[in-house]
C-alpha atoms as a PDB file:
ATOM      1  CA  MET A   1     105.917  30.311  33.209  1.00  0.00           C
ATOM      2  CA  THR A   2     109.111  30.767  35.192  1.00  0.00           C
ATOM      3  CA  GLU A   3     110.520  27.246  35.194  1.00  0.00           C
ATOM      4  CA  LEU A   4     110.422  25.225  31.998  1.00  0.00           C
ATOM      5  CA  PRO A   5     111.162  21.505  31.803  1.00  0.00           C
ATOM      6  CA  GLU A   6     113.764  19.994  29.527  1.00  0.00           C
ATOM      7  CA  LEU A   7     112.718  19.876  25.897  1.00  0.00           C
ATOM      8  CA  SER A   8     110.857  16.722  24.918  1.00  0.00           C
ATOM      9  CA  GLY A   9     111.981  16.974  21.306  1.00  0.00           C
ATOM     10  CA  LYS A  10     108.340  17.023  20.183  1.00  0.00           C
ATOM     11  CA  VAL A  11     106.586  19.860  18.366  1.00  0.00           C
ATOM     12  CA  ALA A  12     102.876  20.642  18.156  1.00  0.00           C
ATOM     13  CA  LEU A  13     100.749  22.928  16.028  1.00  0.00           C
ATOM     14  CA  VAL A  14      97.687  24.128  17.956  1.00  0.00           C
ATOM     15  CA  THR A  15      95.020  26.066  16.081  1.00  0.00           C
ATOM     16  CA  GLY A  16      92.816  28.680  17.700  1.00  0.00           C
ATOM     17  CA  ALA A  17      95.175  28.919  20.654  1.00  0.00           C
ATOM     18  CA  SER A  18      95.494  32.559  21.664  1.00  0.00           C
ATOM     19  CA  ARG A  19      93.111  31.900  24.563  1.00  0.00           C
ATOM     20  CA  GLY A  20      90.574  29.424  25.923  1.00  0.00           C
ATOM     21  CA  ILE A  21      90.820  25.715  25.212  1.00  0.00           C
ATOM     22  CA  GLY A  22      93.531  26.133  22.578  1.00  0.00           C
ATOM     23  CA  TYR A  23      95.745  28.062  24.941  1.00  0.00           C
ATOM     24  CA  GLY A  24      95.086  25.504  27.682  1.00  0.00           C
ATOM     25  CA  VAL A  25      96.283  22.772  25.325  1.00  0.00           C
ATOM     26  CA  ALA A  26      99.388  24.721  24.307  1.00  0.00           C
ATOM     27  CA  GLU A  27     100.178  25.407  27.957  1.00  0.00           C
ATOM     28  CA  ALA A  28      99.909  21.708  28.848  1.00  0.00           C
ATOM     29  CA  LEU A  29     102.195  20.702  25.980  1.00  0.00           C
ATOM     30  CA  VAL A  30     104.820  23.318  26.815  1.00  0.00           C
ATOM     31  CA  ALA A  31     104.649  22.251  30.460  1.00  0.00           C
ATOM     32  CA  ARG A  32     105.785  18.750  29.496  1.00  0.00           C
ATOM     33  CA  GLY A  33     108.607  20.070  27.326  1.00  0.00           C
ATOM     34  CA  ASP A  34     107.111  20.377  23.855  1.00  0.00           C
ATOM     35  CA  ARG A  35     107.562  23.350  21.569  1.00  0.00           C
ATOM     36  CA  VAL A  36     104.456  24.778  19.942  1.00  0.00           C
ATOM     37  CA  CYS A  37     103.194  26.923  17.122  1.00  0.00           C
ATOM     38  CA  ILE A  38      99.871  28.545  17.945  1.00  0.00           C
ATOM     39  CA  THR A  39      97.436  30.127  15.510  1.00  0.00           C
ATOM     40  CA  GLY A  40      94.507  32.503  15.748  1.00  0.00           C
ATOM     41  CA  ARG A  41      93.023  35.609  14.178  1.00  0.00           C
ATOM     42  CA  ASN A  42      94.166  38.219  16.709  1.00  0.00           C
ATOM     43  CA  GLU A  43      97.882  38.942  16.421  1.00  0.00           C
ATOM     44  CA  ASP A  44      98.079  40.933  19.667  1.00  0.00           C
ATOM     45  CA  ALA A  45      96.457  38.099  21.612  1.00  0.00           C
ATOM     46  CA  LEU A  46      98.840  35.606  20.009  1.00  0.00           C
ATOM     47  CA  LYS A  47     101.868  37.721  20.926  1.00  0.00           C
ATOM     48  CA  GLU A  48     100.708  37.840  24.534  1.00  0.00           C
ATOM     49  CA  ALA A  49     100.118  34.087  24.573  1.00  0.00           C
ATOM     50  CA  VAL A  50     103.630  33.412  23.234  1.00  0.00           C
ATOM     51  CA  GLU A  51     105.117  35.640  25.939  1.00  0.00           C
ATOM     52  CA  GLN A  52     103.254  33.635  28.572  1.00  0.00           C
ATOM     53  CA  LEU A  53     104.231  30.291  27.079  1.00  0.00           C
ATOM     54  CA  GLY A  54     107.863  31.294  26.626  1.00  0.00           C
ATOM     55  CA  ALA A  55     109.284  32.803  23.451  1.00  0.00           C
ATOM     56  CA  ASP A  56     111.941  30.070  23.329  1.00  0.00           C
ATOM     57  CA  ARG A  57     109.203  27.400  23.279  1.00  0.00           C
ATOM     58  CA  ALA A  58     106.437  28.998  21.217  1.00  0.00           C
ATOM     59  CA  ILE A  59     105.821  30.869  17.981  1.00  0.00           C
ATOM     60  CA  TYR A  60     102.608  32.121  16.412  1.00  0.00           C
ATOM     61  CA  VAL A  61     101.068  32.550  12.990  1.00  0.00           C
ATOM     62  CA  ALA A  62      98.062  34.847  12.682  1.00  0.00           C
ATOM     63  CA  GLY A  63      95.284  34.133  10.204  1.00  0.00           C
ATOM     64  CA  LYS A  64      91.866  32.614   9.617  1.00  0.00           C
ATOM     65  CA  ALA A  65      91.694  28.854  10.078  1.00  0.00           C
ATOM     66  CA  HIS A  66      89.680  28.232   6.902  1.00  0.00           C
ATOM     67  CA  ASP A  67      92.174  30.163   4.750  1.00  0.00           C
ATOM     68  CA  GLU A  68      94.261  27.608   2.875  1.00  0.00           C
ATOM     69  CA  ALA A  69      97.150  30.063   2.505  1.00  0.00           C
ATOM     70  CA  HIS A  70      97.183  30.517   6.281  1.00  0.00           C
ATOM     71  CA  GLN A  71      97.209  26.756   6.798  1.00  0.00           C
ATOM     72  CA  ALA A  72     100.208  26.440   4.489  1.00  0.00           C
ATOM     73  CA  VAL A  73     102.126  29.244   6.197  1.00  0.00           C
ATOM     74  CA  ALA A  74     101.420  27.868   9.684  1.00  0.00           C
ATOM     75  CA  VAL A  75     102.852  24.449   8.807  1.00  0.00           C
ATOM     76  CA  GLU A  76     105.784  25.939   6.877  1.00  0.00           C
ATOM     77  CA  ARG A  77     106.781  28.241   9.732  1.00  0.00           C
ATOM     78  CA  THR A  78     106.511  25.422  12.245  1.00  0.00           C
ATOM     79  CA  MET A  79     108.855  23.331  10.119  1.00  0.00           C
ATOM     80  CA  GLU A  80     111.238  26.252   9.599  1.00  0.00           C
ATOM     81  CA  ALA A  81     111.343  27.122  13.315  1.00  0.00           C
ATOM     82  CA  PHE A  82     111.457  23.631  14.815  1.00  0.00           C
ATOM     83  CA  GLY A  83     112.221  21.214  11.979  1.00  0.00           C
ATOM     84  CA  ARG A  84     109.235  18.963  12.654  1.00  0.00           C
ATOM     85  CA  VAL A  85     105.539  18.897  13.516  1.00  0.00           C
ATOM     86  CA  ASP A  86     104.698  15.784  15.520  1.00  0.00           C
ATOM     87  CA  HIS A  87     101.273  16.739  16.783  1.00  0.00           C
ATOM     88  CA  LEU A  88      98.335  18.687  15.415  1.00  0.00           C
ATOM     89  CA  ILE A  89      95.545  19.898  17.672  1.00  0.00           C
ATOM     90  CA  ASN A  90      92.603  21.180  15.631  1.00  0.00           C
ATOM     91  CA  ASN A  91      90.882  23.541  18.034  1.00  0.00           C
ATOM     92  CA  ALA A  92      89.893  26.514  15.868  1.00  0.00           C
ATOM     93  CA  GLY A  93      86.134  26.821  15.707  1.00  0.00           C
ATOM     94  CA  THR A  94      83.217  29.191  15.340  1.00  0.00           C
ATOM     95  CA  ASN A  95      79.586  29.387  16.394  1.00  0.00           C
ATOM     96  CA  PRO A  96      78.210  32.670  15.041  1.00  0.00           C
ATOM     97  CA  VAL A  97      74.531  31.829  15.229  1.00  0.00           C
ATOM     98  CA  PHE A  98      71.957  30.733  17.804  1.00  0.00           C
ATOM     99  CA  GLY A  99      68.559  29.499  16.716  1.00  0.00           C
ATOM    100  CA  PRO A 100      66.561  26.647  15.195  1.00  0.00           C
ATOM    101  CA  LEU A 101      67.617  24.846  12.017  1.00  0.00           C
ATOM    102  CA  ALA A 102      64.351  25.833  10.332  1.00  0.00           C
ATOM    103  CA  ASP A 103      65.485  29.462  10.213  1.00  0.00           C
ATOM    104  CA  LEU A 104      69.228  28.910   9.777  1.00  0.00           C
ATOM    105  CA  ASP A 105      70.941  31.049   7.150  1.00  0.00           C
ATOM    106  CA  LEU A 106      72.642  28.562   4.830  1.00  0.00           C
ATOM    107  CA  GLY A 107      75.541  30.945   4.254  1.00  0.00           C
ATOM    108  CA  VAL A 108      76.208  30.898   7.989  1.00  0.00           C
ATOM    109  CA  ALA A 109      75.997  27.100   7.992  1.00  0.00           C
ATOM    110  CA  ARG A 110      78.652  26.978   5.269  1.00  0.00           C
ATOM    111  CA  LYS A 111      80.893  29.272   7.315  1.00  0.00           C
ATOM    112  CA  VAL A 112      80.531  27.024  10.366  1.00  0.00           C
ATOM    113  CA  PHE A 113      81.532  23.961   8.368  1.00  0.00           C
ATOM    114  CA  GLU A 114      84.421  25.756   6.638  1.00  0.00           C
ATOM    115  CA  THR A 115      85.924  26.760   9.983  1.00  0.00           C
ATOM    116  CA  ASN A 116      85.025  23.773  12.143  1.00  0.00           C
ATOM    117  CA  VAL A 117      85.465  20.867   9.730  1.00  0.00           C
ATOM    118  CA  ILE A 118      87.150  21.753   6.435  1.00  0.00           C
ATOM    119  CA  SER A 119      89.940  23.697   8.146  1.00  0.00           C
ATOM    120  CA  ALA A 120      90.691  20.695  10.374  1.00  0.00           C
ATOM    121  CA  LEU A 121      91.034  18.510   7.304  1.00  0.00           C
ATOM    122  CA  GLY A 122      93.219  21.107   5.604  1.00  0.00           C
ATOM    123  CA  PHE A 123      95.620  21.367   8.531  1.00  0.00           C
ATOM    124  CA  ALA A 124      95.717  17.571   8.819  1.00  0.00           C
ATOM    125  CA  GLN A 125      96.581  17.176   5.147  1.00  0.00           C
ATOM    126  CA  ARG A 126      99.440  19.649   5.441  1.00  0.00           C
ATOM    127  CA  THR A 127     100.963  18.230   8.627  1.00  0.00           C
ATOM    128  CA  TRP A 128     100.668  14.733   7.124  1.00  0.00           C
ATOM    129  CA  HIS A 129     102.630  15.669   4.025  1.00  0.00           C
ATOM    130  CA  ALA A 130     105.121  17.923   5.821  1.00  0.00           C
ATOM    131  CA  TRP A 131     106.186  15.457   8.536  1.00  0.00           C
ATOM    132  CA  GLN A 132     103.772  12.891   9.899  1.00  0.00           C
ATOM    133  CA  LYS A 133     103.517  10.607   6.861  1.00  0.00           C
ATOM    134  CA  ASP A 134     107.181   9.639   7.184  1.00  0.00           C
ATOM    135  CA  ASN A 135     107.774  10.215  10.881  1.00  0.00           C
ATOM    136  CA  GLY A 136     104.518   9.521  12.698  1.00  0.00           C
ATOM    137  CA  GLY A 137     102.693  11.592  15.259  1.00  0.00           C
ATOM    138  CA  ALA A 138      99.216  12.308  16.575  1.00  0.00           C
ATOM    139  CA  ILE A 139      96.230  14.464  15.735  1.00  0.00           C
ATOM    140  CA  VAL A 140      93.624  15.583  18.256  1.00  0.00           C
ATOM    141  CA  ASN A 141      90.407  17.195  17.037  1.00  0.00           C
ATOM    142  CA  ILE A 142      88.493  19.282  19.557  1.00  0.00           C
ATOM    143  CA  ALA A 143      84.859  18.339  18.985  1.00  0.00           C
ATOM    144  CA  SER A 144      81.980  18.849  21.459  1.00  0.00           C
ATOM    145  CA  VAL A 145      79.250  16.990  23.284  1.00  0.00           C
ATOM    146  CA  ALA A 146      76.985  18.940  20.922  1.00  0.00           C
ATOM    147  CA  GLY A 147      78.267  16.589  18.237  1.00  0.00           C
ATOM    148  CA  ILE A 148      77.048  13.549  20.175  1.00  0.00           C
ATOM    149  CA  ALA A 149      73.563  14.607  21.262  1.00  0.00           C
ATOM    150  CA  PRO A 150      71.163  17.336  20.104  1.00  0.00           C
ATOM    151  CA  SER A 151      71.845  20.787  21.517  1.00  0.00           C
ATOM    152  CA  PRO A 152      68.952  23.226  21.081  1.00  0.00           C
ATOM    153  CA  PHE A 153      69.767  26.555  19.436  1.00  0.00           C
ATOM    154  CA  ILE A 154      73.366  25.602  18.498  1.00  0.00           C
ATOM    155  CA  ALA A 155      72.385  22.963  15.967  1.00  0.00           C
ATOM    156  CA  ALA A 156      74.727  24.126  13.189  1.00  0.00           C
ATOM    157  CA  TYR A 157      77.646  23.966  15.589  1.00  0.00           C
ATOM    158  CA  GLY A 158      76.564  20.528  16.818  1.00  0.00           C
ATOM    159  CA  VAL A 159      76.189  19.115  13.317  1.00  0.00           C
ATOM    160  CA  SER A 160      79.659  20.402  12.421  1.00  0.00           C
ATOM    161  CA  LYS A 161      81.130  18.750  15.504  1.00  0.00           C
ATOM    162  CA  ALA A 162      79.395  15.479  14.637  1.00  0.00           C
ATOM    163  CA  ALA A 163      81.092  15.734  11.263  1.00  0.00           C
ATOM    164  CA  MET A 164      84.391  16.350  13.036  1.00  0.00           C
ATOM    165  CA  ILE A 165      83.952  13.163  15.071  1.00  0.00           C
ATOM    166  CA  ASN A 166      83.381  11.181  11.875  1.00  0.00           C
ATOM    167  CA  LEU A 167      86.344  12.959  10.251  1.00  0.00           C
ATOM    168  CA  THR A 168      88.412  11.764  13.208  1.00  0.00           C
ATOM    169  CA  GLN A 169      87.422   8.160  12.535  1.00  0.00           C
ATOM    170  CA  GLN A 170      88.075   8.454   8.808  1.00  0.00           C
ATOM    171  CA  MET A 171      91.521   9.975   9.314  1.00  0.00           C
ATOM    172  CA  ALA A 172      92.379   7.461  12.038  1.00  0.00           C
ATOM    173  CA  HIS A 173      91.698   4.659   9.569  1.00  0.00           C
ATOM    174  CA  GLU A 174      93.577   6.243   6.665  1.00  0.00           C
ATOM    175  CA  PHE A 175      96.558   7.612   8.600  1.00  0.00           C
ATOM    176  CA  ALA A 176      97.247   4.406  10.557  1.00  0.00           C
ATOM    177  CA  PRO A 177      99.662   3.037  11.554  1.00  0.00           C
ATOM    178  CA  ARG A 178     101.911   6.115  11.341  1.00  0.00           C
ATOM    179  CA  VAL A 179      99.573   8.653  12.889  1.00  0.00           C
ATOM    180  CA  ARG A 180      96.977   8.265  15.629  1.00  0.00           C
ATOM    181  CA  VAL A 181      93.879  10.460  15.367  1.00  0.00           C
ATOM    182  CA  ASN A 182      91.469  11.042  18.249  1.00  0.00           C
ATOM    183  CA  ALA A 183      88.894  13.617  19.298  1.00  0.00           C
ATOM    184  CA  ILE A 184      87.924  15.292  22.545  1.00  0.00           C
ATOM    185  CA  ALA A 185      84.280  16.221  23.130  1.00  0.00           C
ATOM    186  CA  PRO A 186      83.987  18.756  25.957  1.00  0.00           C
ATOM    187  CA  ALA A 187      80.804  19.970  27.579  1.00  0.00           C
ATOM    188  CA  VAL A 188      80.687  23.638  28.611  1.00  0.00           C
ATOM    189  CA  VAL A 189      84.159  24.983  29.348  1.00  0.00           C
ATOM    190  CA  LYS A 190      84.621  28.418  30.881  1.00  0.00           C
ATOM    191  CA  THR A 191      85.955  30.377  27.936  1.00  0.00           C
ATOM    192  CA  LYS A 192      84.986  33.548  26.118  1.00  0.00           C
ATOM    193  CA  PHE A 193      83.798  31.368  23.238  1.00  0.00           C
ATOM    194  CA  ALA A 194      81.228  29.595  25.442  1.00  0.00           C
ATOM    195  CA  GLN A 195      80.376  32.587  27.634  1.00  0.00           C
ATOM    196  CA  ALA A 196      76.839  32.938  26.287  1.00  0.00           C
ATOM    197  CA  LEU A 197      76.027  29.488  27.674  1.00  0.00           C
ATOM    198  CA  TYR A 198      76.732  30.400  31.301  1.00  0.00           C
ATOM    199  CA  GLU A 199      77.252  34.149  31.716  1.00  0.00           C
ATOM    200  CA  GLY A 200      75.209  35.506  34.617  1.00  0.00           C
ATOM    201  CA  ARG A 201      74.056  32.002  35.587  1.00  0.00           C
ATOM    202  CA  GLU A 202      77.236  30.019  36.167  1.00  0.00           C
ATOM    203  CA  GLU A 203      76.111  28.580  39.501  1.00  0.00           C
ATOM    204  CA  GLU A 204      72.840  27.419  37.955  1.00  0.00           C
ATOM    205  CA  ALA A 205      74.616  25.967  34.914  1.00  0.00           C
ATOM    206  CA  ALA A 206      77.190  24.164  37.056  1.00  0.00           C
ATOM    207  CA  ALA A 207      74.486  22.653  39.269  1.00  0.00           C
ATOM    208  CA  ALA A 208      73.400  20.434  36.366  1.00  0.00           C
ATOM    209  CA  TYR A 209      76.789  18.705  36.369  1.00  0.00           C
ATOM    210  CA  PRO A 210      77.402  15.772  38.749  1.00  0.00           C
ATOM    211  CA  LEU A 211      80.902  17.156  39.407  1.00  0.00           C
ATOM    212  CA  ALA A 212      79.270  20.488  40.313  1.00  0.00           C
ATOM    213  CA  ARG A 213      81.386  22.750  38.137  1.00  0.00           C
ATOM    214  CA  LEU A 214      81.932  23.777  34.547  1.00  0.00           C
ATOM    215  CA  GLY A 215      85.072  22.759  32.727  1.00  0.00           C
ATOM    216  CA  VAL A 216      88.211  24.880  32.529  1.00  0.00           C
ATOM    217  CA  PRO A 217      90.783  24.925  29.700  1.00  0.00           C
ATOM    218  CA  SER A 218      93.326  22.898  31.676  1.00  0.00           C
ATOM    219  CA  ASP A 219      90.831  20.001  31.815  1.00  0.00           C
ATOM    220  CA  ILE A 220      91.045  19.755  28.042  1.00  0.00           C
ATOM    221  CA  GLY A 221      94.762  20.536  27.956  1.00  0.00           C
ATOM    222  CA  GLY A 222      95.537  17.542  30.144  1.00  0.00           C
ATOM    223  CA  ALA A 223      93.481  15.253  27.928  1.00  0.00           C
ATOM    224  CA  ALA A 224      95.195  16.516  24.775  1.00  0.00           C
ATOM    225  CA  ALA A 225      98.586  15.988  26.400  1.00  0.00           C
ATOM    226  CA  PHE A 226      97.595  12.399  27.175  1.00  0.00           C
ATOM    227  CA  LEU A 227      96.323  11.709  23.645  1.00  0.00           C
ATOM    228  CA  THR A 228      99.589  12.991  22.158  1.00  0.00           C
ATOM    229  CA  SER A 229     101.783  11.020  24.558  1.00  0.00           C
ATOM    230  CA  GLY A 230     103.272   7.547  24.544  1.00  0.00           C
ATOM    231  CA  GLN A 231     100.734   6.571  27.192  1.00  0.00           C
ATOM    232  CA  SER A 232      98.043   6.539  24.504  1.00  0.00           C
ATOM    233  CA  ASP A 233      99.993   4.667  21.825  1.00  0.00           C
ATOM    234  CA  TRP A 234      97.223   2.064  21.349  1.00  0.00           C
ATOM    235  CA  ILE A 235      94.357   4.555  21.127  1.00  0.00           C
ATOM    236  CA  THR A 236      93.105   5.843  17.801  1.00  0.00           C
ATOM    237  CA  GLY A 237      89.774   6.757  16.251  1.00  0.00           C
ATOM    238  CA  GLN A 238      88.213   7.465  19.644  1.00  0.00           C
ATOM    239  CA  THR A 239      86.283  10.403  21.041  1.00  0.00           C
ATOM    240  CA  LEU A 240      87.039  11.175  24.676  1.00  0.00           C
ATOM    241  CA  VAL A 241      84.026  12.816  26.326  1.00  0.00           C
ATOM    242  CA  ILE A 242      85.007  15.311  29.025  1.00  0.00           C
ATOM    243  CA  ASP A 243      81.721  16.524  30.428  1.00  0.00           C
ATOM    244  CA  GLY A 244      81.840  16.693  34.218  1.00  0.00           C
ATOM    245  CA  GLY A 245      79.355  13.823  34.201  1.00  0.00           C
ATOM    246  CA  ILE A 246      76.554  15.747  32.467  1.00  0.00           C
ATOM    247  CA  PHE A 247      75.632  12.783  30.248  1.00  0.00           C
ATOM    248  CA  LEU A 248      74.923  10.777  33.394  1.00  0.00           C
ATOM    249  CA  ASN A 249      71.752  12.845  33.687  1.00  0.00           C
ATOM    250  CA  ALA A 250      70.347  11.660  30.365  1.00  0.00           C
ATOM    251  CA  GLY A 251      66.825  10.369  30.758  1.00  0.00           C
ATOM    252  CA  VAL A 252      66.559  11.368  34.427  1.00  0.00           C
ATOM    253  CA  GLY A 253      63.645  13.444  35.670  1.00  0.00           C
END
């Protein structure tokens, strides 16, 4: 990024943001003048992401999203570096298993929920107490269309994202009126995380979408920027589906 806008004064913490959707969100927020702290497991990837975002606008904290110590350090460093944390984008997620629920390893199911749901709550609790409770702000949880309708072979992931949508509603009710909480439910977005869903058959996969393409990280970044802006000040507890129109095909054929 060669030309950066004037600072907005706002600060965001974006989890799971070294690449993919998380990076797309961080990029959109920096582009409008925010400063960001990004998290992820791979320190080298985070360093590279910060260089791309601008070292004067971004910092990183490496660690596992479900680790409570990591959550604490991420919020503390954001506060130390920028003095505030207005927005939280819970993007960190995992989907380590494909297969039917009947054969699902329950230990794997616990891991999915720890990373996809419990970590989001943990980060939200910490940003609430560190800044948002007294100063306001917004939280955006990155869910999935798999949390809205059954998705064969990624059921554990889908159930966790359904829980995240309900968590969004619960937090929106409890954190109001100081903090708005919304979710985004993407369909397939072209990222390494979702690669198994389209690799080697992207044209075929995209053909199922009325808009004739898969999503890209900037599609989600723009939505997150909107949901953390003044333009969405009367929106809370909602799940914004960004699916290229794929749900329009429900019940057809």
